[in-house]
Amino acid sequence: TQHQLMRSSLSLGKLTTIFITHLHGDHIYGLPGLLASKTLNKALRPLTLYGPPGIKAFIECSTGSAHSELAYPFEIVEFAPGDTFAFDRFTVSVRPLVHSIESFAFDIKEHDTAGRLDEAKLRSEGLEPSPLYGELKRGRGVVFEGRRFEPGDYLLEPRKGRRVVIAGDNAEPEVLAEALDDLDLLVHESTYTQPVFDALEKKHQHTTALQLGKSAQRHGVKNLIATHISARYGQSGAHSIEEIYNEIAAVYKGRVFIANDFDCFELRRDGTLVKG
């Protein structure tokens, strides 16, 4: 993560929050170096790290052994299943997964926005922008030139917030069933195709493309980003990445992407997911 961040256009100086799904090495070994880099780059904005029990001991041991002194305010929050954290525009809820160690998903819910004023309608009825608009937005009726305007007649429907679930390593997508119904976007591992998994002598606790596609289709997930693909799929592997995509697409009719480093996605208000 540290090296890829340096290759990207993202700035360490703007990093304020990190969420960790579980404590396997491929998900946390880059953290100590990243934390130290923030100091070296004089990126002194406060940083909060959220992770499962044990993340604090790992960070304190690694930074302490290396005598790394972090020159910025740094807080570690160890969460438990069911915890919810509130931010300015959204909440993050922690959901447990099925893996060889504790692993979690983050259910991110954008706040609903209050109904906007139908300004075109107000203007057409003679009420131009003025402090009276503020009264209507606050739910209070107003009188203008002898006529009463009630907020219920001019407030548009509230806009429902978007919702995204980002999952760590997980062997059973259905453990998230409660969170998947009508979900806007699911970001979930798809480590193997089903035939490859079936042929493995030792079964690791990961999800196949077939499992993921079936679960997403069953619950009406609108968009899907598949991550954590085994190295056997790709240019240097014995299998093609298209095998992952095709196995998902055979059973899932929503929009699906296979994630790559540096990919950027926009989840639009209408629910459309667009790759930048």
Protein backbone atom coordinates (compact mmCIF):
# COMPACT_ATOMS: atom_id res chain seq x y z
CA THR A 1 0.00 0.00 0.00
CA GLN A 2 2.78 2.44 0.89
CA HIS A 3 4.62 1.95 -2.43
CA GLN A 4 1.44 2.06 -4.51
CA LEU A 5 0.35 5.23 -2.73
CA MET A 6 3.65 6.84 -3.70
CA ARG A 7 3.00 5.91 -7.34
CA SER A 8 -0.47 7.44 -7.28
CA SER A 9 -1.69 11.03 -7.36
CA LEU A 10 -3.08 10.68 -3.83
CA SER A 11 -1.55 12.75 -1.04
CA LEU A 12 -0.50 11.39 2.34
CA GLY A 13 -1.16 14.87 3.68
CA LYS A 14 -4.89 14.42 3.08
CA LEU A 15 -5.12 10.98 4.69
CA THR A 16 -7.17 11.18 7.90
CA THR A 17 -8.76 7.74 8.35
CA ILE A 18 -7.78 4.10 7.74
CA PHE A 19 -10.04 1.04 8.18
CA ILE A 20 -8.49 -2.45 8.44
CA THR A 21 -10.65 -5.54 7.82
CA HIS A 22 -8.43 -8.18 9.47
CA LEU A 23 -4.93 -8.89 10.69
CA HIS A 24 -3.47 -11.16 8.02
CA GLY A 25 -0.06 -9.93 6.91
CA ASP A 26 -1.00 -9.06 3.33
CA HIS A 27 -3.47 -6.55 4.75
CA ILE A 28 -1.38 -4.91 7.49
CA TYR A 29 2.37 -5.26 6.84
CA GLY A 30 2.42 -2.03 4.85
CA LEU A 31 0.94 0.02 7.69
CA PRO A 32 4.07 0.77 9.78
CA GLY A 33 5.93 2.10 6.74
CA LEU A 34 2.96 4.20 5.68
CA LEU A 35 2.65 5.71 9.16
CA ALA A 36 6.35 6.56 9.20
CA SER A 37 6.14 8.07 5.70
CA LYS A 38 3.52 10.52 6.91
CA THR A 39 6.07 11.92 9.35
CA LEU A 40 8.89 12.01 6.77
CA ASN A 41 6.64 13.83 4.31
CA LYS A 42 5.67 16.32 7.02
CA ALA A 43 2.04 15.28 6.54
CA LEU A 44 0.97 16.24 10.04
CA ARG A 45 -2.81 16.09 9.76
CA PRO A 46 -4.31 13.87 12.53
CA LEU A 47 -4.89 10.23 11.58
CA THR A 48 -7.32 7.67 13.05
CA LEU A 49 -6.85 3.94 12.46
CA TYR A 50 -9.86 1.62 12.91
CA GLY A 51 -9.21 -2.12 13.12
CA PRO A 52 -10.01 -5.40 14.88
CA PRO A 53 -8.68 -6.31 18.33
CA GLY A 54 -4.92 -6.74 18.07
CA ILE A 55 -4.26 -3.89 15.65
CA LYS A 56 -3.08 -1.63 18.47
CA ALA A 57 -0.55 -4.18 19.74
CA PHE A 58 0.75 -4.72 16.19
CA ILE A 59 1.25 -1.01 15.52
CA GLU A 60 2.81 -0.31 18.92
CA CYS A 61 5.20 -3.26 18.56
CA SER A 62 6.29 -2.47 15.00
CA THR A 63 6.69 1.29 15.44
CA GLY A 64 8.25 0.86 18.88
CA SER A 65 10.79 -1.73 17.73
CA ALA A 66 11.78 0.54 14.84
CA HIS A 67 11.91 3.60 17.12
CA SER A 68 9.46 5.37 14.80
CA GLU A 69 8.23 8.58 16.33
CA LEU A 70 5.02 9.77 14.69
CA ALA A 71 4.98 13.56 14.55
CA TYR A 72 1.22 13.89 14.16
CA PRO A 73 -1.82 13.13 16.36
CA PHE A 74 -2.56 9.42 15.94
CA GLU A 75 -5.42 7.39 17.42
CA ILE A 76 -6.14 3.66 17.20
CA VAL A 77 -9.73 2.46 17.63
CA GLU A 78 -10.31 -1.28 18.03
CA PHE A 79 -13.84 -2.15 16.99
CA ALA A 80 -16.26 -5.03 17.63
CA PRO A 81 -19.04 -6.50 15.46
CA GLY A 82 -22.02 -4.16 15.41
CA ASP A 83 -20.06 -1.00 16.17
CA THR A 84 -21.09 2.06 14.17
CA PHE A 85 -18.97 5.16 13.62
CA ALA A 86 -20.50 8.48 12.58
CA PHE A 87 -18.81 10.86 10.16
CA ASP A 88 -19.97 14.15 8.65
CA ARG A 89 -21.76 12.67 5.63
CA PHE A 90 -22.06 8.96 6.39
CA THR A 91 -21.90 6.19 8.99
CA VAL A 92 -19.72 3.06 8.96
CA SER A 93 -21.09 -0.11 10.58
CA VAL A 94 -18.91 -3.15 11.30
CA ARG A 95 -20.18 -6.57 10.17
CA PRO A 96 -18.49 -9.93 10.90
CA LEU A 97 -17.38 -12.28 8.12
CA VAL A 98 -16.29 -15.93 7.90
CA HIS A 99 -12.54 -16.46 7.61
CA SER A 100 -9.66 -18.29 9.29
CA ILE A 101 -9.28 -15.33 11.68
CA GLU A 102 -11.65 -12.53 12.64
CA SER A 103 -12.50 -10.58 9.50
CA PHE A 104 -14.98 -7.78 8.95
CA ALA A 105 -16.94 -5.81 6.39
CA PHE A 106 -17.75 -2.12 6.51
CA ASP A 107 -21.33 -1.09 5.74
CA ILE A 108 -21.13 2.55 4.65
CA LYS A 109 -24.40 4.50 4.63
CA GLU A 110 -24.57 8.03 3.30
CA HIS A 111 -26.94 10.29 5.20
CA ASP A 112 -30.25 11.04 3.52
CA THR A 113 -30.46 14.63 2.36
CA ALA A 114 -33.38 16.84 3.33
CA GLY A 115 -35.89 17.69 0.66
CA ARG A 116 -34.87 20.67 -1.47
CA LEU A 117 -37.18 23.56 -2.20
CA ASP A 118 -38.95 23.52 -5.55
CA GLU A 119 -37.69 27.00 -6.39
CA ALA A 120 -39.08 26.92 -9.92
CA LYS A 121 -42.58 26.37 -8.55
CA LEU A 122 -42.17 29.13 -5.96
CA ARG A 123 -41.00 31.59 -8.62
CA SER A 124 -43.87 30.66 -10.90
CA GLU A 125 -46.24 31.55 -8.07
CA GLY A 126 -44.60 34.90 -7.38
CA LEU A 127 -42.24 34.16 -4.49
CA GLU A 128 -38.68 35.04 -5.50
CA PRO A 129 -35.58 33.92 -3.50
CA SER A 130 -35.55 35.63 -0.11
CA PRO A 131 -35.15 34.80 3.60
CA LEU A 132 -38.63 33.28 3.35
CA TYR A 133 -37.05 30.35 1.49
CA GLY A 134 -35.09 29.54 4.63
CA GLU A 135 -38.27 29.48 6.70
CA LEU A 136 -39.88 27.05 4.26
CA LYS A 137 -36.79 24.80 4.36
CA ARG A 138 -37.11 24.70 8.15
CA GLY A 139 -40.69 23.50 7.81
CA ARG A 140 -42.43 26.76 8.64
CA GLY A 141 -45.24 28.27 6.60
CA VAL A 142 -44.79 31.86 5.40
CA VAL A 143 -47.04 34.68 4.19
CA PHE A 144 -46.12 36.82 1.17
CA GLU A 145 -48.37 39.57 -0.23
CA GLY A 146 -51.34 38.16 1.64
CA ARG A 147 -50.87 34.59 0.46
CA ARG A 148 -49.76 31.71 2.68
CA PHE A 149 -47.14 29.26 1.41
CA GLU A 150 -46.94 25.90 3.20
CA PRO A 151 -43.65 23.94 3.17
CA GLY A 152 -45.36 20.67 2.27
CA ASP A 153 -46.40 22.16 -1.06
CA TYR A 154 -42.89 23.20 -2.09
CA LEU A 155 -40.45 20.73 -0.54
CA LEU A 156 -39.23 17.99 -2.86
CA GLU A 157 -38.83 14.42 -1.63
CA PRO A 158 -35.73 13.77 0.53
CA ARG A 159 -32.90 12.14 -1.41
CA LYS A 160 -31.99 8.70 -0.10
CA GLY A 161 -28.31 8.21 0.73
CA ARG A 162 -26.20 5.73 -1.20
CA ARG A 163 -24.94 2.58 0.52
CA VAL A 164 -21.73 0.62 -0.06
CA VAL A 165 -20.42 -2.54 1.62
CA ILE A 166 -16.66 -3.18 1.50
CA ALA A 167 -15.77 -6.67 2.71
CA GLY A 168 -12.51 -8.18 3.86
CA ASP A 169 -11.55 -11.82 3.33
CA ASN A 170 -14.69 -13.95 3.53
CA ALA A 171 -15.69 -17.52 2.71
CA GLU A 172 -19.47 -17.02 2.78
CA PRO A 173 -21.04 -13.99 1.04
CA GLU A 174 -24.41 -14.97 2.49
CA VAL A 175 -23.20 -14.02 5.98
CA LEU A 176 -23.84 -10.46 4.73
CA ALA A 177 -27.38 -11.26 3.55
CA GLU A 178 -29.01 -8.66 5.79
CA ALA A 179 -26.79 -5.93 4.33
CA LEU A 180 -27.00 -6.96 0.68
CA ASP A 181 -30.68 -6.44 -0.12
CA ASP A 182 -31.01 -3.70 -2.76
CA LEU A 183 -27.43 -2.56 -2.05
CA ASP A 184 -25.95 0.11 -4.33
CA LEU A 185 -22.42 -1.34 -4.40
CA LEU A 186 -20.68 -4.41 -3.00
CA VAL A 187 -16.87 -4.59 -2.97
CA HIS A 188 -16.01 -8.21 -2.18
CA GLU A 189 -13.28 -10.76 -2.66
CA SER A 190 -13.47 -13.28 -5.51
CA THR A 191 -10.29 -15.27 -5.02
CA TYR A 192 -10.98 -18.29 -7.23
CA THR A 193 -13.22 -19.63 -9.95
CA GLN A 194 -15.29 -22.58 -8.76
CA PRO A 195 -13.42 -25.30 -10.74
CA VAL A 196 -10.06 -24.13 -9.40
CA PHE A 197 -11.37 -24.02 -5.83
CA ASP A 198 -12.93 -27.48 -6.16
CA ALA A 199 -9.58 -28.89 -7.30
CA LEU A 200 -7.61 -27.43 -4.38
CA GLU A 201 -6.26 -30.04 -1.99
CA LYS A 202 -6.37 -27.56 0.88
CA LYS A 203 -9.47 -25.37 0.98
CA HIS A 204 -8.74 -21.82 2.09
CA GLN A 205 -11.58 -19.72 3.45
CA HIS A 206 -12.19 -17.51 0.45
CA THR A 207 -15.09 -16.84 -1.91
CA THR A 208 -15.38 -18.10 -5.48
CA ALA A 209 -16.63 -15.99 -8.37
CA LEU A 210 -19.66 -18.26 -8.67
CA GLN A 211 -20.57 -17.85 -4.99
CA LEU A 212 -20.20 -14.09 -5.20
CA GLY A 213 -22.24 -13.73 -8.37
CA LYS A 214 -25.08 -15.89 -7.05
CA SER A 215 -25.26 -14.01 -3.76
CA ALA A 216 -25.21 -10.58 -5.44
CA GLN A 217 -27.95 -11.65 -7.85
CA ARG A 218 -30.09 -13.19 -5.10
CA HIS A 219 -30.14 -9.95 -3.10
CA GLY A 220 -30.50 -7.48 -5.95
CA VAL A 221 -27.08 -5.84 -5.52
CA LYS A 222 -26.91 -3.11 -8.16
CA ASN A 223 -23.14 -2.97 -8.70
CA LEU A 224 -20.27 -5.31 -7.87
CA ILE A 225 -16.50 -4.85 -7.68
CA ALA A 226 -14.58 -8.12 -7.35
CA THR A 227 -11.25 -7.92 -5.48
CA HIS A 228 -8.54 -10.14 -3.94
CA ILE A 229 -8.05 -12.22 -7.10
CA SER A 230 -5.59 -15.12 -6.84
CA ALA A 231 -2.24 -14.55 -8.57
CA ARG A 232 -2.93 -17.62 -10.72
CA TYR A 233 -5.29 -15.38 -12.74
CA GLY A 234 -3.51 -12.88 -14.95
CA GLN A 235 -0.53 -12.46 -17.24
CA SER A 236 1.84 -14.52 -15.09
CA GLY A 237 -0.72 -17.11 -14.04
CA ALA A 238 -2.09 -20.28 -15.58
CA HIS A 239 -5.56 -18.80 -15.85
CA SER A 240 -7.08 -15.64 -17.29
CA ILE A 241 -8.71 -12.88 -15.26
CA GLU A 242 -11.61 -13.14 -17.71
CA GLU A 243 -12.46 -16.47 -16.10
CA ILE A 244 -13.33 -14.63 -12.87
CA TYR A 245 -15.42 -12.06 -14.73
CA ASN A 246 -17.23 -14.63 -16.87
CA GLU A 247 -18.12 -16.84 -13.91
CA ILE A 248 -19.68 -13.88 -12.10
CA ALA A 249 -21.45 -12.53 -15.20
CA ALA A 250 -22.99 -15.93 -15.94
CA VAL A 251 -25.16 -15.69 -12.81
CA TYR A 252 -25.20 -11.97 -11.95
CA LYS A 253 -27.00 -9.44 -14.14
CA GLY A 254 -25.85 -6.22 -12.46
CA ARG A 255 -22.81 -4.17 -13.38
CA VAL A 256 -19.53 -5.91 -12.49
CA PHE A 257 -15.90 -4.79 -12.46
CA ILE A 258 -12.68 -6.61 -11.61
CA ALA A 259 -10.61 -4.27 -9.42
CA ASN A 260 -7.06 -3.24 -10.26
CA ASP A 261 -4.63 -1.02 -8.36
CA PHE A 262 -5.23 2.68 -9.07
CA ASP A 263 -8.79 2.11 -10.30
CA CYS A 264 -11.16 4.95 -9.48
CA PHE A 265 -14.94 4.54 -9.42
CA GLU A 266 -17.82 6.98 -9.10
CA LEU A 267 -21.15 5.81 -7.67
CA ARG A 268 -23.60 8.31 -9.09
CA ARG A 269 -26.79 9.49 -7.42
CA ASP A 270 -28.90 7.40 -9.80
CA GLY A 271 -27.06 4.24 -8.70
CA THR A 272 -24.85 3.97 -11.79
CA LEU A 273 -21.26 2.89 -11.14
CA VAL A 274 -18.72 4.42 -13.52
CA LYS A 275 -15.03 3.61 -13.80
CA GLY A 276 -12.94 6.79 -14.08
